Amino acid sequence: MQPELRVANAGAELALGANKVLRNTYLLLGLSMVPTVIGAAIGMSLNFAFMAASPILSAVVMLAVMFGLFWAISANRDSALGVALLLALTFFMGLMLGPILQVALQLRNGAQLVGIAAGGTGAIFLTLAAIATTTKRDLSGLGKFLTIGLVLLIVASLANLFFQVPALQLALSGVAVLIFSGFILFDVNRIVTGGETNYIMATLAIYLDIYNLFVNLLQLLMAFAGERD
């Protein structure tokens, strides 16, 4: 076989593999929204007063559960158990939407704001995913920049648990929207270019991008467009 043909065949196999991973990722991503919605519905009926009383302890417990599930999913990325653990995580993340949804729905236009945040998140995801899939530019350099930004965002968010500065929280939400939008570009492009070949881990990354984008969009909408009685 001629070298040119070998290169062409290798490129075609890489493209087919990436398309399969992307297709499976989108299917699992769609499925993951079902336990998220169920968890959110249950979360809205729960009493989260303990979280308001002990926000720092609650954040630590929530992070411990999340990172425990992250580890378990990664350890079982090549089995059906990995899918089950991912769906368990998305149910838990849905439960954790309870407090912000409760606050949002106390506003006169709360349901509308939740719908706008969900629609805006979907529109941003579809647009950026299309760009990430079709662009010829190398987006691998975004990873390090976005990771640094995410670490700084987490540190600032944890610090604000102590200081409780509303203006800082809004600023952090705005930064978070930009960072997680960037991660959508990066994570989808990483699948397309063959940088991520496991659809469970790819789904986990993109799910977290979408989840955090929605939460922070909703926080901004509540702050600037919320109608209180």
Protein backbone atom coordinates (compact mmCIF):
# COMPACT_ATOMS: atom_id res chain seq x y z
CA MET A 1 0.00 0.00 0.00
CA GLN A 2 1.26 3.45 -0.94
CA PRO A 3 2.19 5.78 1.96
CA GLU A 4 -0.42 8.27 0.79
CA LEU A 5 -3.13 5.60 0.95
CA ARG A 6 -2.02 4.49 4.41
CA VAL A 7 -2.22 8.08 5.64
CA ALA A 8 -5.65 8.51 4.04
CA ASN A 9 -6.92 5.27 5.61
CA ALA A 10 -5.58 6.26 9.02
CA GLY A 11 -7.25 9.65 8.72
CA ALA A 12 -10.56 8.05 7.70
CA GLU A 13 -10.43 5.60 10.62
CA LEU A 14 -9.69 8.45 13.04
CA ALA A 15 -12.63 10.44 11.67
CA LEU A 16 -14.99 7.45 11.92
CA GLY A 17 -13.86 6.76 15.48
CA ALA A 18 -14.34 10.40 16.49
CA ASN A 19 -17.80 10.49 14.90
CA LYS A 20 -18.80 7.34 16.81
CA VAL A 21 -17.59 8.80 20.11
CA LEU A 22 -19.39 12.09 19.41
CA ARG A 23 -22.62 10.30 18.49
CA ASN A 24 -22.53 8.11 21.61
CA THR A 25 -21.66 11.15 23.72
CA TYR A 26 -24.69 13.09 22.49
CA LEU A 27 -26.97 10.07 23.05
CA LEU A 28 -25.74 9.60 26.61
CA LEU A 29 -25.87 13.35 27.20
CA GLY A 30 -29.53 13.38 26.20
CA LEU A 31 -30.22 10.40 28.47
CA SER A 32 -28.43 12.10 31.38
CA MET A 33 -30.94 14.95 31.30
CA VAL A 34 -33.71 12.57 32.41
CA PRO A 35 -32.32 11.87 35.93
CA THR A 36 -31.31 15.54 36.13
CA VAL A 37 -34.91 16.66 35.61
CA ILE A 38 -36.20 14.02 38.04
CA GLY A 39 -33.62 15.05 40.63
CA ALA A 40 -34.48 18.72 40.16
CA ALA A 41 -38.20 18.00 40.61
CA ILE A 42 -37.47 16.16 43.86
CA GLY A 43 -34.98 18.82 44.95
CA MET A 44 -37.58 21.57 44.63
CA SER A 45 -39.73 19.81 47.25
CA LEU A 46 -36.91 19.33 49.77
CA ASN A 47 -35.99 21.59 52.67
CA PHE A 48 -32.46 22.93 52.17
CA ALA A 49 -32.45 25.09 55.31
CA PHE A 50 -29.38 23.19 56.57
CA MET A 51 -27.43 24.45 53.55
CA ALA A 52 -28.24 28.07 54.40
CA ALA A 53 -27.31 27.46 58.04
CA SER A 54 -23.97 25.82 57.18
CA PRO A 55 -23.01 26.87 53.65
CA ILE A 56 -19.32 25.98 54.01
CA LEU A 57 -19.96 22.50 55.44
CA SER A 58 -22.65 21.91 52.81
CA ALA A 59 -20.26 22.91 50.03
CA VAL A 60 -17.59 20.54 51.38
CA VAL A 61 -20.05 17.62 51.59
CA MET A 62 -21.40 18.31 48.11
CA LEU A 63 -17.89 18.50 46.64
CA ALA A 64 -16.91 15.27 48.42
CA VAL A 65 -19.89 13.42 46.91
CA MET A 66 -19.24 14.89 43.47
CA PHE A 67 -15.54 14.07 43.40
CA GLY A 68 -16.24 10.60 44.76
CA LEU A 69 -18.59 9.98 41.85
CA PHE A 70 -16.10 11.53 39.41
CA TRP A 71 -13.47 9.05 40.60
CA ALA A 72 -15.87 6.11 40.40
CA ILE A 73 -16.98 7.05 36.88
CA SER A 74 -13.39 7.39 35.72
CA ALA A 75 -12.46 4.04 37.26
CA ASN A 76 -15.36 2.35 35.43
CA ARG A 77 -15.21 4.31 32.19
CA ASP A 78 -15.09 1.18 30.03
CA SER A 79 -18.07 -0.64 31.53
CA ALA A 80 -21.82 -0.36 31.86
CA LEU A 81 -21.28 0.50 35.53
CA GLY A 82 -19.66 3.73 34.37
CA VAL A 83 -22.90 4.68 32.60
CA ALA A 84 -24.95 3.85 35.72
CA LEU A 85 -22.63 5.92 37.91
CA LEU A 86 -22.83 8.82 35.46
CA LEU A 87 -26.62 8.73 35.61
CA ALA A 88 -26.42 8.61 39.42
CA LEU A 89 -24.23 11.71 39.32
CA THR A 90 -26.67 13.55 37.08
CA PHE A 91 -29.51 12.68 39.47
CA PHE A 92 -27.46 14.09 42.36
CA MET A 93 -26.67 17.22 40.34
CA GLY A 94 -30.39 17.60 39.66
CA LEU A 95 -31.08 17.43 43.40
CA MET A 96 -28.48 20.17 43.93
CA LEU A 97 -30.46 22.41 41.58
CA GLY A 98 -33.23 22.43 44.20
CA PRO A 99 -32.09 25.50 46.19
CA ILE A 100 -31.58 27.80 43.21
CA LEU A 101 -34.82 26.67 41.58
CA GLN A 102 -36.71 27.26 44.82
CA VAL A 103 -35.37 30.82 44.97
CA ALA A 104 -36.06 31.41 41.29
CA LEU A 105 -39.65 30.20 41.47
CA GLN A 106 -40.38 32.56 44.36
CA LEU A 107 -39.99 35.42 41.86
CA ARG A 108 -43.05 36.52 39.92
CA ASN A 109 -41.32 35.72 36.64
CA GLY A 110 -39.26 32.86 38.04
CA ALA A 111 -40.62 30.14 35.74
CA GLN A 112 -39.93 32.39 32.74
CA LEU A 113 -36.36 33.02 33.90
CA VAL A 114 -35.72 29.28 34.33
CA GLY A 115 -37.05 28.73 30.81
CA ILE A 116 -34.87 31.51 29.40
CA ALA A 117 -31.80 30.12 31.19
CA ALA A 118 -32.50 26.63 29.85
CA GLY A 119 -33.15 27.92 26.33
CA GLY A 120 -30.08 30.16 26.43
CA THR A 121 -27.93 27.27 27.63
CA GLY A 122 -29.22 25.08 24.81
CA ALA A 123 -28.63 27.79 22.20
CA ILE A 124 -25.09 28.47 23.43
CA PHE A 125 -24.28 24.76 23.49
CA LEU A 126 -25.61 24.08 19.98
CA THR A 127 -23.79 27.11 18.54
CA LEU A 128 -20.45 26.38 20.19
CA ALA A 129 -20.68 22.63 19.51
CA ALA A 130 -21.25 23.39 15.81
CA ILE A 131 -18.23 25.70 15.78
CA ALA A 132 -16.08 23.14 17.62
CA THR A 133 -17.11 20.41 15.17
CA THR A 134 -16.42 22.37 11.99
CA THR A 135 -13.51 24.66 12.83
CA LYS A 136 -10.10 23.99 11.32
CA ARG A 137 -8.32 25.86 14.12
CA ASP A 138 -6.37 24.04 16.79
CA LEU A 139 -8.25 24.60 20.06
CA SER A 140 -6.01 22.41 22.21
CA GLY A 141 -4.30 25.49 23.65
CA LEU A 142 -7.58 26.53 25.29
CA GLY A 143 -7.32 23.71 27.81
CA LYS A 144 -4.54 25.11 29.97
CA PHE A 145 -5.98 28.64 29.90
CA LEU A 146 -9.48 27.43 30.84
CA THR A 147 -8.19 25.15 33.60
CA ILE A 148 -6.28 28.02 35.22
CA GLY A 149 -9.40 30.18 34.97
CA LEU A 150 -11.52 27.42 36.52
CA VAL A 151 -9.13 26.96 39.45
CA LEU A 152 -9.16 30.69 40.15
CA LEU A 153 -12.96 30.72 39.87
CA ILE A 154 -13.29 27.89 42.41
CA VAL A 155 -10.90 29.57 44.84
CA ALA A 156 -12.76 32.89 44.55
CA SER A 157 -16.13 31.17 44.96
CA LEU A 158 -14.98 29.38 48.11
CA ALA A 159 -13.59 32.64 49.48
CA ASN A 160 -16.93 34.33 48.84
CA LEU A 161 -18.63 31.74 51.05
CA PHE A 162 -16.89 33.54 53.92
CA PHE A 163 -17.33 37.14 52.72
CA GLN A 164 -20.80 36.85 51.13
CA VAL A 165 -20.35 39.77 48.71
CA PRO A 166 -23.30 39.83 46.25
CA ALA A 167 -21.45 41.94 43.66
CA LEU A 168 -18.54 39.48 43.68
CA GLN A 169 -20.93 36.56 43.23
CA LEU A 170 -22.44 38.21 40.16
CA ALA A 171 -18.99 38.91 38.74
CA LEU A 172 -18.01 35.28 39.32
CA SER A 173 -21.20 34.10 37.58
CA GLY A 174 -20.34 36.24 34.56
CA VAL A 175 -16.82 34.82 34.45
CA ALA A 176 -18.21 31.30 34.87
CA VAL A 177 -20.47 31.73 31.83
CA LEU A 178 -17.42 32.61 29.73
CA ILE A 179 -15.25 29.82 31.16
CA PHE A 180 -17.82 27.04 30.70
CA SER A 181 -18.71 28.29 27.23
CA GLY A 182 -15.01 27.97 26.44
CA PHE A 183 -14.98 24.45 27.89
CA ILE A 184 -17.86 23.46 25.56
CA LEU A 185 -15.72 24.51 22.60
CA PHE A 186 -12.69 22.71 23.97
CA ASP A 187 -14.39 19.49 25.05
CA VAL A 188 -16.40 18.98 21.86
CA ASN A 189 -13.38 19.79 19.69
CA ARG A 190 -11.28 17.34 21.71
CA ILE A 191 -13.69 14.56 20.73
CA VAL A 192 -13.69 15.59 17.07
CA THR A 193 -9.89 15.64 16.90
CA GLY A 194 -9.50 12.31 18.69
CA GLY A 195 -8.22 13.73 21.97
CA GLU A 196 -11.03 12.04 23.92
CA THR A 197 -11.96 8.51 22.85
CA ASN A 198 -14.16 7.44 25.77
CA TYR A 199 -17.77 8.56 25.38
CA ILE A 200 -18.55 8.23 29.11
CA MET A 201 -15.78 10.64 30.09
CA ALA A 202 -16.68 12.90 27.16
CA THR A 203 -20.30 13.00 28.34
CA LEU A 204 -19.23 13.78 31.90
CA ALA A 205 -17.12 16.74 30.74
CA ILE A 206 -19.79 18.23 28.49
CA TYR A 207 -22.57 17.61 31.02
CA LEU A 208 -20.67 19.58 33.66
CA ASP A 209 -20.08 22.40 31.14
CA ILE A 210 -23.80 22.61 30.38
CA TYR A 211 -24.86 22.28 34.03
CA ASN A 212 -22.59 25.08 35.24
CA LEU A 213 -23.49 27.28 32.29
CA PHE A 214 -27.20 26.92 33.13
CA VAL A 215 -26.72 27.62 36.86
CA ASN A 216 -24.69 30.76 36.28
CA LEU A 217 -26.96 32.08 33.54
CA LEU A 218 -29.92 31.62 35.88
CA GLN A 219 -28.12 33.46 38.69
CA LEU A 220 -27.45 36.41 36.39
CA LEU A 221 -31.03 36.47 35.12
CA MET A 222 -32.39 36.36 38.67
CA ALA A 223 -30.17 39.24 39.71
CA PHE A 224 -30.86 41.52 36.74
CA ALA A 225 -34.35 40.54 35.55
CA GLY A 226 -36.02 38.96 38.59
CA GLU A 227 -39.36 40.51 39.57
CA ARG A 228 -39.96 40.44 43.32
CA ASP A 229 -43.34 40.97 44.98
